[in-house]
Amino acid sequence: MSSVFLGQVVGTKMLKTVKVCVTSLKLHPVILQYWNTKKVYLAHDEHSLCKEGDMVLIKETRKLSKKKRYTILDIVERMPQTQMESSTQVGQKVLQP
């Protein structure tokens, strides 16, 4: 059975690969207190659709490279564009008033 995780994209600087941070709760066996644990997975993004801040579903697949074993199933929630990103084009400089 393959694992499916919900996580947030934290890096998109590699070709067809994104870094996804998955947060989960772990119970301490002695003091019975829950702790947040984070783990970062490298996931395959075939069409480079993900942006930093997006919430995505990743699924375990066959080994794609040394560290990449997951693929993007679905983009659950997109990060809203900032005003600076939407107003600038590639190659243009942003002029500060």
Protein backbone atom coordinates (compact mmCIF):
# COMPACT_ATOMS: atom_id res chain seq x y z
CA MET A 1 0.00 0.00 0.00
CA SER A 2 1.43 3.37 -0.98
CA SER A 3 1.54 6.32 1.39
CA VAL A 4 -0.30 9.58 0.68
CA PHE A 5 0.68 12.74 2.59
CA LEU A 6 -0.59 16.32 2.73
CA GLY A 7 2.18 18.91 2.87
CA GLN A 8 3.30 22.42 1.98
CA VAL A 9 5.73 23.20 -0.84
CA VAL A 10 8.83 24.85 0.62
CA GLY A 11 11.20 24.79 -2.36
CA THR A 12 10.91 24.83 -6.15
CA LYS A 13 14.46 25.57 -7.30
CA MET A 14 15.10 22.17 -8.93
CA LEU A 15 13.91 21.05 -12.35
CA LYS A 16 10.70 18.98 -12.12
CA THR A 17 11.25 18.54 -8.36
CA VAL A 18 9.72 20.26 -5.33
CA LYS A 19 10.47 20.06 -1.62
CA VAL A 20 7.36 19.27 0.42
CA CYS A 21 7.24 19.70 4.22
CA VAL A 22 4.85 17.25 5.92
CA THR A 23 3.80 17.92 9.54
CA SER A 24 2.50 15.13 11.76
CA LEU A 25 1.69 14.55 15.43
CA LYS A 26 3.68 11.97 17.40
CA LEU A 27 2.73 10.75 20.87
CA HIS A 28 5.53 10.49 23.44
CA PRO A 29 5.24 7.02 25.03
CA VAL A 30 6.15 8.00 28.61
CA ILE A 31 4.69 11.44 29.24
CA LEU A 32 1.74 10.97 26.84
CA GLN A 33 2.18 14.35 25.21
CA TYR A 34 1.86 15.06 21.48
CA TRP A 35 4.74 16.66 19.54
CA ASN A 36 4.70 18.21 16.08
CA THR A 37 7.24 16.58 13.80
CA LYS A 38 8.22 17.83 10.36
CA LYS A 39 9.80 15.89 7.54
CA VAL A 40 10.82 17.17 4.12
CA TYR A 41 10.29 14.97 1.06
CA LEU A 42 11.44 15.52 -2.51
CA ALA A 43 8.54 15.02 -4.92
CA HIS A 44 8.35 14.83 -8.71
CA ASP A 45 6.42 17.67 -10.40
CA GLU A 46 6.31 16.77 -14.10
CA HIS A 47 4.94 20.07 -15.43
CA SER A 48 6.40 22.41 -12.75
CA LEU A 49 2.95 23.63 -11.69
CA CYS A 50 3.67 24.01 -7.95
CA LYS A 51 4.73 27.26 -6.33
CA GLU A 52 6.15 27.84 -2.85
CA GLY A 53 3.40 27.87 -0.24
CA ASP A 54 0.99 25.56 -2.12
CA MET A 55 -0.66 22.72 -0.19
CA VAL A 56 -0.23 19.47 -2.13
CA LEU A 57 -0.97 15.76 -1.89
CA ILE A 58 2.06 13.53 -2.53
CA LYS A 59 2.01 9.79 -3.17
CA GLU A 60 4.79 7.24 -2.77
CA THR A 61 5.93 5.72 -6.07
CA ARG A 62 8.92 3.86 -7.41
CA LYS A 63 12.39 5.31 -6.84
CA LEU A 64 12.88 8.17 -9.31
CA SER A 65 16.35 9.26 -8.16
CA LYS A 66 18.61 8.88 -5.13
CA LYS A 67 16.29 10.88 -2.83
CA LYS A 68 13.08 11.28 -4.86
CA ARG A 69 10.38 8.68 -4.14
CA TYR A 70 7.14 10.71 -4.28
CA THR A 71 5.03 12.35 -6.99
CA ILE A 72 2.51 15.19 -6.80
CA LEU A 73 -1.05 13.85 -6.90
CA ASP A 74 -3.00 17.09 -6.59
CA ILE A 75 -2.60 20.74 -5.67
CA VAL A 76 -5.14 21.14 -2.86
CA GLU A 77 -4.75 24.87 -2.20
CA ARG A 78 -2.81 27.47 -4.15
CA MET A 79 -0.85 30.22 -2.45
CA PRO A 80 -2.34 33.59 -3.49
CA GLN A 81 -0.09 35.72 -5.69
CA THR A 82 1.37 38.82 -4.15
CA GLN A 83 0.86 42.16 -5.84
CA MET A 84 4.57 42.36 -6.69
CA GLU A 85 4.55 38.97 -8.50
CA SER A 86 1.44 39.69 -10.55
CA SER A 87 2.61 43.13 -11.72
CA THR A 88 6.12 42.18 -12.87
CA GLN A 89 7.07 40.30 -16.00
CA VAL A 90 10.15 38.15 -16.48
CA GLY A 91 13.12 40.36 -17.26
CA GLN A 92 11.59 43.60 -15.96
CA LYS A 93 12.96 45.53 -13.04
CA VAL A 94 10.73 46.67 -10.21
CA LEU A 95 11.02 50.39 -9.59
CA GLN A 96 10.60 51.48 -6.00
CA PRO A 97 8.94 54.92 -5.51
